[in-house]
């Protein structure tokens, strides 16, 4: 299966920096609390100097949302939402060890990170592209929605939408759960220096996943020259 950003998305958003990670062999049993605490402490230290709304990483996504016709204070990218919750409540919700780790790394670097159950994607292609309007998106409470035509979404070969409003909200259909064993993780940034940030995010996540599960993650930076990431059997259990 191939993951990529459609050419029209890259053309419309030349500042996009993205990277992907694939790993097989995760489960819900690992204890990631210490590492989650370390990463969230880093975010809290930064928040002590000012709210997330001033972060360059967040401002860049707000500008991106505005360009796509969304009100950026109504629809926030996932990392801004997490940072906002962390600032107000002092902690992040606990969902699943893999998700908790990705959320903690997301706030530490202030960029949105999607973590998807790869076995819930219908291949051979998962593409970040403008919606046609007939894609099906499943909410976390089981309702079906249809992204508006032109809305940027993660769409698979069966026409299922795995996100709404690009980095705003993931799908309940492909959310990581207790039975998840194979994951696709995507980090996306729009700020100046975003490629370096995404590279550090991928390195951090690969190290964390490898330390907590018997996995050997495969990662790749995605660029205009090399926009595709192939999920294959190289991401095996150790």
C-alpha atoms as a PDB file:
ATOM      1  CA  UNK A   1       0.000   0.000   0.000  1.00  0.00           C
ATOM      2  CA  UNK A   2       1.189   3.510  -0.827  1.00  0.00           C
ATOM      3  CA  UNK A   3       0.672   6.674   1.223  1.00  0.00           C
ATOM      4  CA  UNK A   4       1.128  10.067  -0.429  1.00  0.00           C
ATOM      5  CA  UNK A   5      -0.078  13.651  -0.685  1.00  0.00           C
ATOM      6  CA  UNK A   6      -1.836  14.436  -3.948  1.00  0.00           C
ATOM      7  CA  UNK A   7      -0.026  16.767  -6.315  1.00  0.00           C
ATOM      8  CA  UNK A   8      -2.770  19.392  -5.991  1.00  0.00           C
ATOM      9  CA  UNK A   9      -2.264  19.461  -2.217  1.00  0.00           C
ATOM     10  CA  UNK A  10       1.487  19.913  -2.563  1.00  0.00           C
ATOM     11  CA  UNK A  11       1.013  22.592  -5.212  1.00  0.00           C
ATOM     12  CA  UNK A  12      -1.486  24.527  -3.095  1.00  0.00           C
ATOM     13  CA  UNK A  13       0.655  24.209   0.051  1.00  0.00           C
ATOM     14  CA  UNK A  14       4.330  24.458  -0.947  1.00  0.00           C
ATOM     15  CA  UNK A  15       5.401  24.797   2.682  1.00  0.00           C
ATOM     16  CA  UNK A  16       4.225  21.287   3.534  1.00  0.00           C
ATOM     17  CA  UNK A  17       6.772  19.080   5.292  1.00  0.00           C
ATOM     18  CA  UNK A  18       5.690  15.501   5.918  1.00  0.00           C
ATOM     19  CA  UNK A  19       7.001  12.153   7.016  1.00  0.00           C
ATOM     20  CA  UNK A  20       5.606   8.673   7.581  1.00  0.00           C
ATOM     21  CA  UNK A  21       6.371   5.675   9.786  1.00  0.00           C
ATOM     22  CA  UNK A  22       5.195   2.078   9.518  1.00  0.00           C
ATOM     23  CA  UNK A  23       5.532  -0.569  12.226  1.00  0.00           C
ATOM     24  CA  UNK A  24       4.095  -4.027  12.854  1.00  0.00           C
ATOM     25  CA  UNK A  25       3.900  -5.638  16.293  1.00  0.00           C
ATOM     26  CA  UNK A  26       2.431  -3.033  18.639  1.00  0.00           C
ATOM     27  CA  UNK A  27      -0.198  -3.836  21.257  1.00  0.00           C
ATOM     28  CA  UNK A  28      -1.968  -2.212  24.181  1.00  0.00           C
ATOM     29  CA  UNK A  29       0.171  -3.649  26.958  1.00  0.00           C
ATOM     30  CA  UNK A  30       3.274  -1.416  27.020  1.00  0.00           C
ATOM     31  CA  UNK A  31       3.883   1.002  29.891  1.00  0.00           C
ATOM     32  CA  UNK A  32       4.703   4.351  28.286  1.00  0.00           C
ATOM     33  CA  UNK A  33       3.822   6.596  31.225  1.00  0.00           C
ATOM     34  CA  UNK A  34       7.372   7.750  31.983  1.00  0.00           C
ATOM     35  CA  UNK A  35       8.044   8.734  28.388  1.00  0.00           C
ATOM     36  CA  UNK A  36       4.649  10.407  28.019  1.00  0.00           C
ATOM     37  CA  UNK A  37       5.449  12.437  31.139  1.00  0.00           C
ATOM     38  CA  UNK A  38       8.830  13.494  29.740  1.00  0.00           C
ATOM     39  CA  UNK A  39       7.398  14.663  26.426  1.00  0.00           C
ATOM     40  CA  UNK A  40       4.451  16.489  27.991  1.00  0.00           C
ATOM     41  CA  UNK A  41       6.809  18.169  30.477  1.00  0.00           C
ATOM     42  CA  UNK A  42       8.699  19.605  27.527  1.00  0.00           C
ATOM     43  CA  UNK A  43       5.446  20.985  26.108  1.00  0.00           C
ATOM     44  CA  UNK A  44       4.374  22.391  29.479  1.00  0.00           C
ATOM     45  CA  UNK A  45       7.701  24.180  29.848  1.00  0.00           C
ATOM     46  CA  UNK A  46       7.151  25.852  26.498  1.00  0.00           C
ATOM     47  CA  UNK A  47       3.550  26.723  27.342  1.00  0.00           C
ATOM     48  CA  UNK A  48       4.783  28.441  30.498  1.00  0.00           C
ATOM     49  CA  UNK A  49       6.331  31.093  28.229  1.00  0.00           C
ATOM     50  CA  UNK A  50       3.122  31.718  26.296  1.00  0.00           C
ATOM     51  CA  UNK A  51       0.028  30.018  24.880  1.00  0.00           C
ATOM     52  CA  UNK A  52       0.059  27.634  21.946  1.00  0.00           C
ATOM     53  CA  UNK A  53      -1.662  30.251  19.776  1.00  0.00           C
ATOM     54  CA  UNK A  54       1.703  32.036  19.555  1.00  0.00           C
ATOM     55  CA  UNK A  55       3.704  28.982  18.471  1.00  0.00           C
ATOM     56  CA  UNK A  56       5.044  29.281  14.901  1.00  0.00           C
ATOM     57  CA  UNK A  57       4.028  25.669  14.269  1.00  0.00           C
ATOM     58  CA  UNK A  58       0.417  26.412  15.251  1.00  0.00           C
ATOM     59  CA  UNK A  59       0.241  29.755  13.453  1.00  0.00           C
ATOM     60  CA  UNK A  60       1.384  28.075  10.237  1.00  0.00           C
ATOM     61  CA  UNK A  61      -1.462  25.553  10.448  1.00  0.00           C
ATOM     62  CA  UNK A  62      -3.945  28.330  11.240  1.00  0.00           C
ATOM     63  CA  UNK A  63      -2.880  30.102   8.051  1.00  0.00           C
ATOM     64  CA  UNK A  64      -3.195  26.833   6.139  1.00  0.00           C
ATOM     65  CA  UNK A  65      -6.713  26.226   7.445  1.00  0.00           C
ATOM     66  CA  UNK A  66      -7.702  29.790   6.557  1.00  0.00           C
ATOM     67  CA  UNK A  67      -6.451  29.263   2.993  1.00  0.00           C
ATOM     68  CA  UNK A  68      -8.681  26.205   2.685  1.00  0.00           C
ATOM     69  CA  UNK A  69     -11.720  28.220   3.801  1.00  0.00           C
ATOM     70  CA  UNK A  70     -11.864  27.012   7.422  1.00  0.00           C
ATOM     71  CA  UNK A  71     -12.106  29.271  10.458  1.00  0.00           C
ATOM     72  CA  UNK A  72      -8.877  28.373  12.290  1.00  0.00           C
ATOM     73  CA  UNK A  73     -10.306  29.097  15.745  1.00  0.00           C
ATOM     74  CA  UNK A  74     -13.322  26.900  15.038  1.00  0.00           C
ATOM     75  CA  UNK A  75     -11.374  24.019  13.521  1.00  0.00           C
ATOM     76  CA  UNK A  76      -7.945  23.535  15.053  1.00  0.00           C
ATOM     77  CA  UNK A  77      -5.201  21.208  13.918  1.00  0.00           C
ATOM     78  CA  UNK A  78      -4.787  18.209  16.219  1.00  0.00           C
ATOM     79  CA  UNK A  79      -1.582  19.436  17.862  1.00  0.00           C
ATOM     80  CA  UNK A  80      -3.134  22.803  18.730  1.00  0.00           C
ATOM     81  CA  UNK A  81      -6.148  21.054  20.274  1.00  0.00           C
ATOM     82  CA  UNK A  82      -3.886  18.832  22.355  1.00  0.00           C
ATOM     83  CA  UNK A  83      -1.696  21.741  23.466  1.00  0.00           C
ATOM     84  CA  UNK A  84      -4.775  23.751  24.397  1.00  0.00           C
ATOM     85  CA  UNK A  85      -6.097  20.881  26.492  1.00  0.00           C
ATOM     86  CA  UNK A  86      -2.691  20.359  28.103  1.00  0.00           C
ATOM     87  CA  UNK A  87      -2.453  24.065  28.995  1.00  0.00           C
ATOM     88  CA  UNK A  88      -5.913  24.094  30.552  1.00  0.00           C
ATOM     89  CA  UNK A  89      -5.900  20.700  32.298  1.00  0.00           C
ATOM     90  CA  UNK A  90      -2.212  19.996  32.848  1.00  0.00           C
ATOM     91  CA  UNK A  91      -2.369  16.537  31.289  1.00  0.00           C
ATOM     92  CA  UNK A  92      -3.519  14.615  28.232  1.00  0.00           C
ATOM     93  CA  UNK A  93      -6.166  11.866  28.124  1.00  0.00           C
ATOM     94  CA  UNK A  94      -5.004   8.262  28.174  1.00  0.00           C
ATOM     95  CA  UNK A  95      -6.392   6.268  25.242  1.00  0.00           C
ATOM     96  CA  UNK A  96      -3.944   3.538  24.171  1.00  0.00           C
ATOM     97  CA  UNK A  97      -0.158   3.345  24.727  1.00  0.00           C
ATOM     98  CA  UNK A  98       0.616   3.990  21.052  1.00  0.00           C
ATOM     99  CA  UNK A  99      -1.813   6.906  20.832  1.00  0.00           C
ATOM    100  CA  UNK A 100      -0.674   8.312  24.180  1.00  0.00           C
ATOM    101  CA  UNK A 101       2.945   8.271  23.021  1.00  0.00           C
ATOM    102  CA  UNK A 102       2.122   9.904  19.685  1.00  0.00           C
ATOM    103  CA  UNK A 103       0.022  12.575  21.398  1.00  0.00           C
ATOM    104  CA  UNK A 104       2.835  13.342  23.826  1.00  0.00           C
ATOM    105  CA  UNK A 105       5.364  13.656  21.005  1.00  0.00           C
ATOM    106  CA  UNK A 106       2.871  15.812  19.105  1.00  0.00           C
ATOM    107  CA  UNK A 107       2.676  18.379  21.911  1.00  0.00           C
ATOM    108  CA  UNK A 108       6.421  18.230  22.491  1.00  0.00           C
ATOM    109  CA  UNK A 109       7.077  19.253  18.875  1.00  0.00           C
ATOM    110  CA  UNK A 110       3.795  21.162  18.360  1.00  0.00           C
ATOM    111  CA  UNK A 111       2.954  19.425  15.077  1.00  0.00           C
ATOM    112  CA  UNK A 112      -0.012  17.169  14.284  1.00  0.00           C
ATOM    113  CA  UNK A 113       0.651  13.432  14.241  1.00  0.00           C
ATOM    114  CA  UNK A 114      -1.850  10.936  12.849  1.00  0.00           C
ATOM    115  CA  UNK A 115      -1.629   7.328  14.003  1.00  0.00           C
ATOM    116  CA  UNK A 116      -3.782   4.935  12.001  1.00  0.00           C
ATOM    117  CA  UNK A 117      -4.524   1.222  12.256  1.00  0.00           C
ATOM    118  CA  UNK A 118      -3.020   0.242   8.898  1.00  0.00           C
ATOM    119  CA  UNK A 119      -5.143  -2.895   8.647  1.00  0.00           C
ATOM    120  CA  UNK A 120      -8.278  -0.716   8.585  1.00  0.00           C
ATOM    121  CA  UNK A 121      -7.150   1.034   5.390  1.00  0.00           C
ATOM    122  CA  UNK A 122      -8.346  -0.345   2.054  1.00  0.00           C
ATOM    123  CA  UNK A 123      -5.418  -0.257  -0.390  1.00  0.00           C
ATOM    124  CA  UNK A 124      -3.563   0.039  -2.619  1.00  0.00           C
ATOM    125  CA  UNK A 125      -3.569   3.819  -1.973  1.00  0.00           C
ATOM    126  CA  UNK A 126      -4.100   6.158   0.948  1.00  0.00           C
ATOM    127  CA  UNK A 127      -3.915   9.720  -0.332  1.00  0.00           C
ATOM    128  CA  UNK A 128      -4.187  13.132   1.274  1.00  0.00           C
ATOM    129  CA  UNK A 129      -6.359  14.873  -1.318  1.00  0.00           C
ATOM    130  CA  UNK A 130      -9.359  17.140  -1.797  1.00  0.00           C
ATOM    131  CA  UNK A 131     -12.559  15.215  -1.123  1.00  0.00           C
ATOM    132  CA  UNK A 132     -15.026  14.499  -3.898  1.00  0.00           C
ATOM    133  CA  UNK A 133     -17.907  14.708  -1.433  1.00  0.00           C
ATOM    134  CA  UNK A 134     -19.001  11.075  -1.527  1.00  0.00           C
ATOM    135  CA  UNK A 135     -16.318   9.682   0.790  1.00  0.00           C
ATOM    136  CA  UNK A 136     -17.559   8.081   4.012  1.00  0.00           C
ATOM    137  CA  UNK A 137     -16.121   9.209   7.338  1.00  0.00           C
ATOM    138  CA  UNK A 138     -16.957   7.397  10.573  1.00  0.00           C
ATOM    139  CA  UNK A 139     -17.087   9.463  13.747  1.00  0.00           C
ATOM    140  CA  UNK A 140     -15.909   8.067  17.079  1.00  0.00           C
ATOM    141  CA  UNK A 141     -19.524   7.523  18.103  1.00  0.00           C
ATOM    142  CA  UNK A 142     -20.268   5.548  14.935  1.00  0.00           C
ATOM    143  CA  UNK A 143     -22.060   8.140  12.815  1.00  0.00           C
ATOM    144  CA  UNK A 144     -21.295   8.509   9.109  1.00  0.00           C
ATOM    145  CA  UNK A 145     -20.325  11.888   7.664  1.00  0.00           C
ATOM    146  CA  UNK A 146     -19.291  13.001   4.200  1.00  0.00           C
ATOM    147  CA  UNK A 147     -16.433  15.500   3.859  1.00  0.00           C
ATOM    148  CA  UNK A 148     -17.422  18.539   1.844  1.00  0.00           C
ATOM    149  CA  UNK A 149     -16.193  18.598  -1.766  1.00  0.00           C
ATOM    150  CA  UNK A 150     -12.721  20.121  -1.784  1.00  0.00           C
ATOM    151  CA  UNK A 151     -12.096  19.472   1.915  1.00  0.00           C
ATOM    152  CA  UNK A 152      -8.649  17.925   2.393  1.00  0.00           C
ATOM    153  CA  UNK A 153      -8.938  14.393   3.729  1.00  0.00           C
ATOM    154  CA  UNK A 154      -7.057  11.107   3.955  1.00  0.00           C
ATOM    155  CA  UNK A 155      -8.941   8.952   1.422  1.00  0.00           C
ATOM    156  CA  UNK A 156      -8.302   5.277   0.720  1.00  0.00           C
ATOM    157  CA  UNK A 157      -9.023   3.227  -2.391  1.00  0.00           C
ATOM    158  CA  UNK A 158     -12.525   2.335  -1.185  1.00  0.00           C
ATOM    159  CA  UNK A 159     -13.490   5.984  -0.782  1.00  0.00           C
ATOM    160  CA  UNK A 160     -13.332   5.900   2.995  1.00  0.00           C
ATOM    161  CA  UNK A 161     -12.176   9.137   4.640  1.00  0.00           C
ATOM    162  CA  UNK A 162      -9.734   8.598   7.495  1.00  0.00           C
ATOM    163  CA  UNK A 163      -9.665  12.264   8.527  1.00  0.00           C
ATOM    164  CA  UNK A 164     -11.789  15.398   8.451  1.00  0.00           C
ATOM    165  CA  UNK A 165     -10.347  18.793   7.568  1.00  0.00           C
ATOM    166  CA  UNK A 166      -6.860  17.382   6.989  1.00  0.00           C
ATOM    167  CA  UNK A 167      -5.196  17.517  10.428  1.00  0.00           C
ATOM    168  CA  UNK A 168      -8.289  18.433  12.426  1.00  0.00           C
ATOM    169  CA  UNK A 169      -9.869  15.072  13.308  1.00  0.00           C
ATOM    170  CA  UNK A 170      -9.171  11.398  12.606  1.00  0.00           C
ATOM    171  CA  UNK A 171     -11.708   8.671  11.868  1.00  0.00           C
ATOM    172  CA  UNK A 172     -13.130   6.259  14.395  1.00  0.00           C
ATOM    173  CA  UNK A 173     -12.975   3.541  11.732  1.00  0.00           C
ATOM    174  CA  UNK A 174      -9.175   3.373  11.705  1.00  0.00           C
ATOM    175  CA  UNK A 175      -8.424   4.524  15.249  1.00  0.00           C
ATOM    176  CA  UNK A 176      -5.841   2.466  17.114  1.00  0.00           C
ATOM    177  CA  UNK A 177      -7.505  -0.001  19.480  1.00  0.00           C
ATOM    178  CA  UNK A 178      -6.622  -3.043  21.590  1.00  0.00           C
ATOM    179  CA  UNK A 179      -6.507  -5.323  18.556  1.00  0.00           C
ATOM    180  CA  UNK A 180      -4.253  -3.048  16.513  1.00  0.00           C
ATOM    181  CA  UNK A 181      -0.941  -4.613  15.478  1.00  0.00           C
ATOM    182  CA  UNK A 182       0.149  -2.573  12.442  1.00  0.00           C
ATOM    183  CA  UNK A 183       0.287   1.221  12.361  1.00  0.00           C
ATOM    184  CA  UNK A 184       0.876   4.047   9.934  1.00  0.00           C
ATOM    185  CA  UNK A 185       2.031   7.266  11.584  1.00  0.00           C
ATOM    186  CA  UNK A 186       2.119  10.565   9.675  1.00  0.00           C
ATOM    187  CA  UNK A 187       3.621  13.855  10.870  1.00  0.00           C
ATOM    188  CA  UNK A 188       2.916  17.071   8.959  1.00  0.00           C
ATOM    189  CA  UNK A 189       4.231  20.600   9.441  1.00  0.00           C
ATOM    190  CA  UNK A 190       3.779  23.918   7.681  1.00  0.00           C
ATOM    191  CA  UNK A 191       6.135  26.256   9.556  1.00  0.00           C
ATOM    192  CA  UNK A 192       9.574  27.395   8.423  1.00  0.00           C
ATOM    193  CA  UNK A 193      12.007  24.652   9.364  1.00  0.00           C
ATOM    194  CA  UNK A 194       9.215  22.094   9.327  1.00  0.00           C
ATOM    195  CA  UNK A 195      11.260  19.464   7.511  1.00  0.00           C
ATOM    196  CA  UNK A 196      13.803  19.405  10.337  1.00  0.00           C
ATOM    197  CA  UNK A 197      11.004  19.179  12.897  1.00  0.00           C
ATOM    198  CA  UNK A 198       9.347  16.287  11.085  1.00  0.00           C
ATOM    199  CA  UNK A 199      12.681  14.470  10.833  1.00  0.00           C
ATOM    200  CA  UNK A 200      13.143  14.785  14.610  1.00  0.00           C
ATOM    201  CA  UNK A 201       9.577  13.622  15.208  1.00  0.00           C
ATOM    202  CA  UNK A 202      10.123  10.495  13.113  1.00  0.00           C
ATOM    203  CA  UNK A 203      13.414   9.730  14.849  1.00  0.00           C
ATOM    204  CA  UNK A 204      11.827  10.217  18.273  1.00  0.00           C
ATOM    205  CA  UNK A 205       8.825   8.031  17.477  1.00  0.00           C
ATOM    206  CA  UNK A 206      10.967   5.283  15.948  1.00  0.00           C
ATOM    207  CA  UNK A 207      13.138   5.231  19.073  1.00  0.00           C
ATOM    208  CA  UNK A 208      10.136   5.225  21.409  1.00  0.00           C
ATOM    209  CA  UNK A 209       8.267   2.504  19.540  1.00  0.00           C
ATOM    210  CA  UNK A 210      11.397   0.360  19.324  1.00  0.00           C
ATOM    211  CA  UNK A 211      11.995   0.766  23.054  1.00  0.00           C
ATOM    212  CA  UNK A 212       8.480  -0.306  24.073  1.00  0.00           C
ATOM    213  CA  UNK A 213       7.525  -2.941  21.499  1.00  0.00           C
ATOM    214  CA  UNK A 214       9.415  -5.622  19.538  1.00  0.00           C
ATOM    215  CA  UNK A 215       9.228  -3.591  16.330  1.00  0.00           C
ATOM    216  CA  UNK A 216      11.640  -2.130  13.808  1.00  0.00           C
ATOM    217  CA  UNK A 217       9.877   0.957  12.434  1.00  0.00           C
ATOM    218  CA  UNK A 218      10.458   2.080   8.857  1.00  0.00           C
ATOM    219  CA  UNK A 219      10.408   5.845   8.317  1.00  0.00           C
ATOM    220  CA  UNK A 220      10.662   8.242   5.410  1.00  0.00           C
ATOM    221  CA  UNK A 221      10.576  11.978   4.816  1.00  0.00           C
ATOM    222  CA  UNK A 222       8.159  12.806   2.009  1.00  0.00           C
ATOM    223  CA  UNK A 223       9.113  15.515  -0.471  1.00  0.00           C
ATOM    224  CA  UNK A 224       8.033  16.841  -3.861  1.00  0.00           C
ATOM    225  CA  UNK A 225      10.754  14.694  -5.403  1.00  0.00           C
ATOM    226  CA  UNK A 226       9.865  11.601  -3.343  1.00  0.00           C
ATOM    227  CA  UNK A 227       6.214  11.997  -2.288  1.00  0.00           C
ATOM    228  CA  UNK A 228       5.301   8.327  -1.747  1.00  0.00           C
ATOM    229  CA  UNK A 229       5.744   6.003   1.221  1.00  0.00           C
ATOM    230  CA  UNK A 230       5.235   2.266   0.710  1.00  0.00           C
ATOM    231  CA  UNK A 231       3.909   0.163   3.571  1.00  0.00           C
ATOM    232  CA  UNK A 232       5.359  -3.298   3.148  1.00  0.00           C
ATOM    233  CA  UNK A 233       6.708  -6.246   5.088  1.00  0.00           C
ATOM    234  CA  UNK A 234       9.991  -4.532   5.937  1.00  0.00           C
ATOM    235  CA  UNK A 235       8.348  -3.237   9.125  1.00  0.00           C
ATOM    236  CA  UNK A 236       8.435  -6.606  10.825  1.00  0.00           C
ATOM    237  CA  UNK A 237       8.311  -7.704  14.427  1.00  0.00           C
ATOM    238  CA  UNK A 238      11.851  -8.146  15.754  1.00  0.00           C
END
